[in-house]
């Protein structure tokens, strides 16, 4: 995907904004988690910079590992 993936319509203007239909109307408390899972589900490689073993970024990284994605971990570089 060569676009800025959003969960809501942005106030700023971007050339390429993608709001997946699956995420339209999702509850705001789960919107970022669902967007991150959508990105993992539609990718074959992710780049991470996760400092802690808890939180949304950590959970997304673990989800990508379970899905078998290639993970480029910037902290281990």
N, C-alpha and C. Protein backbone atom coordinates (compact mmCIF):
# COMPACT_ATOMS: atom_id res chain seq x y z
N UNK A 1 0.86 -1.17 0.00
CA UNK A 1 0.00 0.00 0.00
C UNK A 1 0.90 1.22 0.00
N UNK A 2 0.67 2.08 -0.91
CA UNK A 2 1.45 3.30 -0.99
C UNK A 2 0.51 4.47 -0.67
N UNK A 3 0.07 4.50 0.59
CA UNK A 3 -0.86 5.53 1.01
C UNK A 3 -0.77 5.70 2.52
N UNK A 4 -1.29 6.78 3.00
CA UNK A 4 -1.38 7.05 4.42
C UNK A 4 -2.69 6.43 4.89
N UNK A 5 -2.62 5.38 5.70
CA UNK A 5 -3.82 4.65 6.11
C UNK A 5 -4.38 5.28 7.37
N UNK A 6 -5.62 5.72 7.29
CA UNK A 6 -6.27 6.42 8.38
C UNK A 6 -7.49 5.63 8.85
N UNK A 7 -7.95 5.94 10.05
CA UNK A 7 -9.18 5.34 10.55
C UNK A 7 -10.33 6.34 10.51
N UNK A 8 -9.99 7.61 10.36
CA UNK A 8 -10.98 8.68 10.25
C UNK A 8 -10.58 9.59 9.10
N UNK A 9 -11.53 10.37 8.61
CA UNK A 9 -11.19 11.33 7.57
C UNK A 9 -10.29 12.40 8.17
N UNK A 10 -9.16 12.69 7.53
CA UNK A 10 -8.24 13.68 8.07
C UNK A 10 -8.71 15.10 7.81
N UNK A 11 -8.33 16.01 8.69
CA UNK A 11 -8.60 17.42 8.45
C UNK A 11 -7.57 17.99 7.48
N UNK A 12 -6.34 17.44 7.54
CA UNK A 12 -5.30 17.87 6.63
C UNK A 12 -5.53 17.23 5.26
N UNK A 13 -4.91 17.77 4.26
CA UNK A 13 -5.02 17.22 2.91
C UNK A 13 -3.78 16.40 2.59
N UNK A 14 -3.98 15.19 2.09
CA UNK A 14 -2.90 14.32 1.65
C UNK A 14 -3.21 13.87 0.23
N UNK A 15 -2.16 13.53 -0.52
CA UNK A 15 -2.38 13.05 -1.88
C UNK A 15 -3.08 11.71 -1.89
N UNK A 16 -2.60 10.78 -1.07
CA UNK A 16 -3.16 9.43 -1.04
C UNK A 16 -3.56 9.07 0.39
N UNK A 17 -4.86 9.03 0.64
CA UNK A 17 -5.37 8.64 1.94
C UNK A 17 -6.26 7.43 1.72
N UNK A 18 -6.03 6.40 2.51
CA UNK A 18 -6.82 5.17 2.40
C UNK A 18 -7.53 4.95 3.72
N UNK A 19 -8.85 4.86 3.66
CA UNK A 19 -9.64 4.52 4.84
C UNK A 19 -10.35 3.22 4.48
N UNK A 20 -9.84 2.09 4.99
CA UNK A 20 -10.45 0.80 4.65
C UNK A 20 -11.92 0.74 5.06
N UNK A 21 -12.74 0.21 4.19
CA UNK A 21 -14.17 0.12 4.48
C UNK A 21 -14.44 -0.74 5.71
N UNK A 22 -13.56 -1.72 5.98
CA UNK A 22 -13.72 -2.56 7.17
C UNK A 22 -13.61 -1.78 8.46
N UNK A 23 -12.95 -0.64 8.42
CA UNK A 23 -12.73 0.15 9.63
C UNK A 23 -13.74 1.28 9.80
N UNK A 24 -14.53 1.53 8.80
CA UNK A 24 -15.53 2.60 8.91
C UNK A 24 -16.55 2.25 9.99
N UNK A 25 -16.74 3.15 10.91
CA UNK A 25 -17.74 2.95 11.95
C UNK A 25 -17.28 2.11 13.12
N UNK A 26 -15.99 1.74 13.17
CA UNK A 26 -15.55 0.94 14.31
C UNK A 26 -15.46 1.84 15.54
N UNK A 27 -15.59 1.23 16.70
CA UNK A 27 -15.58 1.98 17.96
C UNK A 27 -14.23 2.67 18.13
N UNK A 28 -14.23 3.92 18.56
CA UNK A 28 -13.02 4.71 18.63
C UNK A 28 -11.96 4.11 19.56
N UNK A 29 -12.37 3.36 20.57
CA UNK A 29 -11.40 2.77 21.49
C UNK A 29 -10.64 1.60 20.87
N UNK A 30 -11.18 1.02 19.82
CA UNK A 30 -10.50 -0.10 19.17
C UNK A 30 -10.00 0.27 17.77
N UNK A 31 -10.19 1.49 17.36
CA UNK A 31 -9.90 1.88 15.98
C UNK A 31 -8.43 1.71 15.62
N UNK A 32 -7.51 2.13 16.48
CA UNK A 32 -6.09 2.03 16.16
C UNK A 32 -5.65 0.57 16.13
N UNK A 33 -6.12 -0.23 17.07
CA UNK A 33 -5.79 -1.65 17.08
C UNK A 33 -6.30 -2.32 15.81
N UNK A 34 -7.52 -2.02 15.43
CA UNK A 34 -8.08 -2.62 14.21
C UNK A 34 -7.34 -2.15 12.97
N UNK A 35 -6.94 -0.86 12.93
CA UNK A 35 -6.16 -0.36 11.80
C UNK A 35 -4.83 -1.08 11.72
N UNK A 36 -4.15 -1.28 12.85
CA UNK A 36 -2.86 -1.96 12.86
C UNK A 36 -3.00 -3.40 12.39
N UNK A 37 -4.04 -4.09 12.83
CA UNK A 37 -4.28 -5.47 12.37
C UNK A 37 -4.56 -5.49 10.87
N UNK A 38 -5.31 -4.51 10.39
CA UNK A 38 -5.60 -4.43 8.96
C UNK A 38 -4.31 -4.25 8.17
N UNK A 39 -3.41 -3.39 8.67
CA UNK A 39 -2.14 -3.18 8.00
C UNK A 39 -1.32 -4.47 7.96
N UNK A 40 -1.27 -5.20 9.08
CA UNK A 40 -0.54 -6.47 9.11
C UNK A 40 -1.17 -7.46 8.13
N UNK A 41 -2.50 -7.53 8.13
CA UNK A 41 -3.19 -8.47 7.25
C UNK A 41 -2.97 -8.17 5.76
N UNK A 42 -2.61 -6.94 5.44
CA UNK A 42 -2.42 -6.53 4.05
C UNK A 42 -0.96 -6.23 3.72
N UNK A 43 -0.05 -6.79 4.50
CA UNK A 43 1.39 -6.56 4.30
C UNK A 43 2.13 -7.88 4.30
N UNK A 44 3.35 -7.85 3.80
CA UNK A 44 4.22 -9.02 3.93
C UNK A 44 5.47 -8.69 4.72
N UNK A 45 5.71 -7.40 4.98
CA UNK A 45 6.85 -6.94 5.77
C UNK A 45 6.40 -5.75 6.60
N UNK A 46 6.89 -5.68 7.85
CA UNK A 46 6.64 -4.49 8.66
C UNK A 46 7.96 -4.02 9.27
N UNK A 47 8.00 -2.74 9.55
CA UNK A 47 9.15 -2.13 10.22
C UNK A 47 8.69 -1.73 11.61
N UNK A 48 9.42 -2.18 12.65
CA UNK A 48 9.00 -1.88 14.01
C UNK A 48 10.09 -1.13 14.77
N UNK A 49 9.63 -0.40 15.78
CA UNK A 49 10.49 0.27 16.74
C UNK A 49 9.75 0.19 18.07
N UNK A 50 9.84 -0.97 18.70
CA UNK A 50 9.07 -1.25 19.90
C UNK A 50 10.03 -1.34 21.08
N UNK A 51 9.86 -0.44 22.06
CA UNK A 51 10.77 -0.37 23.21
C UNK A 51 10.28 -1.19 24.40
N UNK A 52 8.96 -1.42 24.51
CA UNK A 52 8.41 -2.09 25.69
C UNK A 52 7.71 -3.38 25.30
N UNK A 53 7.53 -4.25 26.28
CA UNK A 53 6.85 -5.51 26.01
C UNK A 53 5.38 -5.44 26.41
N UNK A 54 4.76 -4.32 26.15
CA UNK A 54 3.33 -4.12 26.35
C UNK A 54 2.87 -2.98 25.45
N UNK A 55 1.59 -2.84 25.29
CA UNK A 55 1.04 -1.75 24.49
C UNK A 55 0.69 -2.15 23.08
N UNK A 56 0.13 -1.20 22.35
CA UNK A 56 -0.38 -1.45 21.02
C UNK A 56 0.68 -1.82 20.00
N UNK A 57 1.82 -1.14 20.01
CA UNK A 57 2.88 -1.46 19.05
C UNK A 57 3.42 -2.87 19.31
N UNK A 58 3.58 -3.20 20.57
CA UNK A 58 4.06 -4.54 20.93
C UNK A 58 3.07 -5.60 20.48
N UNK A 59 1.79 -5.37 20.72
CA UNK A 59 0.77 -6.34 20.32
C UNK A 59 0.72 -6.49 18.80
N UNK A 60 0.89 -5.39 18.08
CA UNK A 60 0.90 -5.45 16.62
C UNK A 60 2.10 -6.25 16.12
N UNK A 61 3.26 -6.03 16.74
CA UNK A 61 4.46 -6.79 16.37
C UNK A 61 4.25 -8.28 16.61
N UNK A 62 3.68 -8.64 17.76
CA UNK A 62 3.42 -10.05 18.07
C UNK A 62 2.42 -10.64 17.08
N UNK A 63 1.40 -9.88 16.70
CA UNK A 63 0.41 -10.33 15.72
C UNK A 63 1.10 -10.61 14.38
N UNK A 64 2.01 -9.71 13.98
CA UNK A 64 2.74 -9.90 12.73
C UNK A 64 3.63 -11.14 12.79
N UNK A 65 4.24 -11.38 13.95
CA UNK A 65 5.06 -12.59 14.11
C UNK A 65 4.21 -13.85 13.95
N UNK A 66 3.02 -13.85 14.57
CA UNK A 66 2.13 -15.02 14.45
C UNK A 66 1.68 -15.23 13.01
N UNK A 67 1.53 -14.14 12.26
CA UNK A 67 1.11 -14.24 10.86
C UNK A 67 2.27 -14.61 9.93
N UNK A 68 3.50 -14.61 10.46
CA UNK A 68 4.65 -14.99 9.67
C UNK A 68 5.22 -13.90 8.78
N UNK A 69 4.97 -12.65 9.08
CA UNK A 69 5.49 -11.55 8.29
C UNK A 69 6.99 -11.38 8.52
N UNK A 70 7.66 -10.81 7.55
CA UNK A 70 9.04 -10.39 7.72
C UNK A 70 9.02 -9.13 8.57
N UNK A 71 9.82 -9.10 9.64
CA UNK A 71 9.83 -7.97 10.55
C UNK A 71 11.22 -7.36 10.57
N UNK A 72 11.29 -6.08 10.25
CA UNK A 72 12.54 -5.34 10.35
C UNK A 72 12.44 -4.56 11.66
N UNK A 73 13.24 -4.96 12.64
CA UNK A 73 13.20 -4.36 13.96
C UNK A 73 14.32 -3.33 14.07
N UNK A 74 13.97 -2.05 14.08
CA UNK A 74 14.96 -0.98 14.09
C UNK A 74 15.76 -0.93 15.40
N UNK A 75 15.22 -1.48 16.48
CA UNK A 75 15.96 -1.49 17.73
C UNK A 75 17.08 -2.52 17.73
N UNK A 76 16.97 -3.53 16.90
CA UNK A 76 18.01 -4.55 16.87
C UNK A 76 19.04 -4.30 15.77
N UNK A 77 18.86 -3.22 15.03
CA UNK A 77 19.80 -2.89 13.94
C UNK A 77 21.08 -2.34 14.49
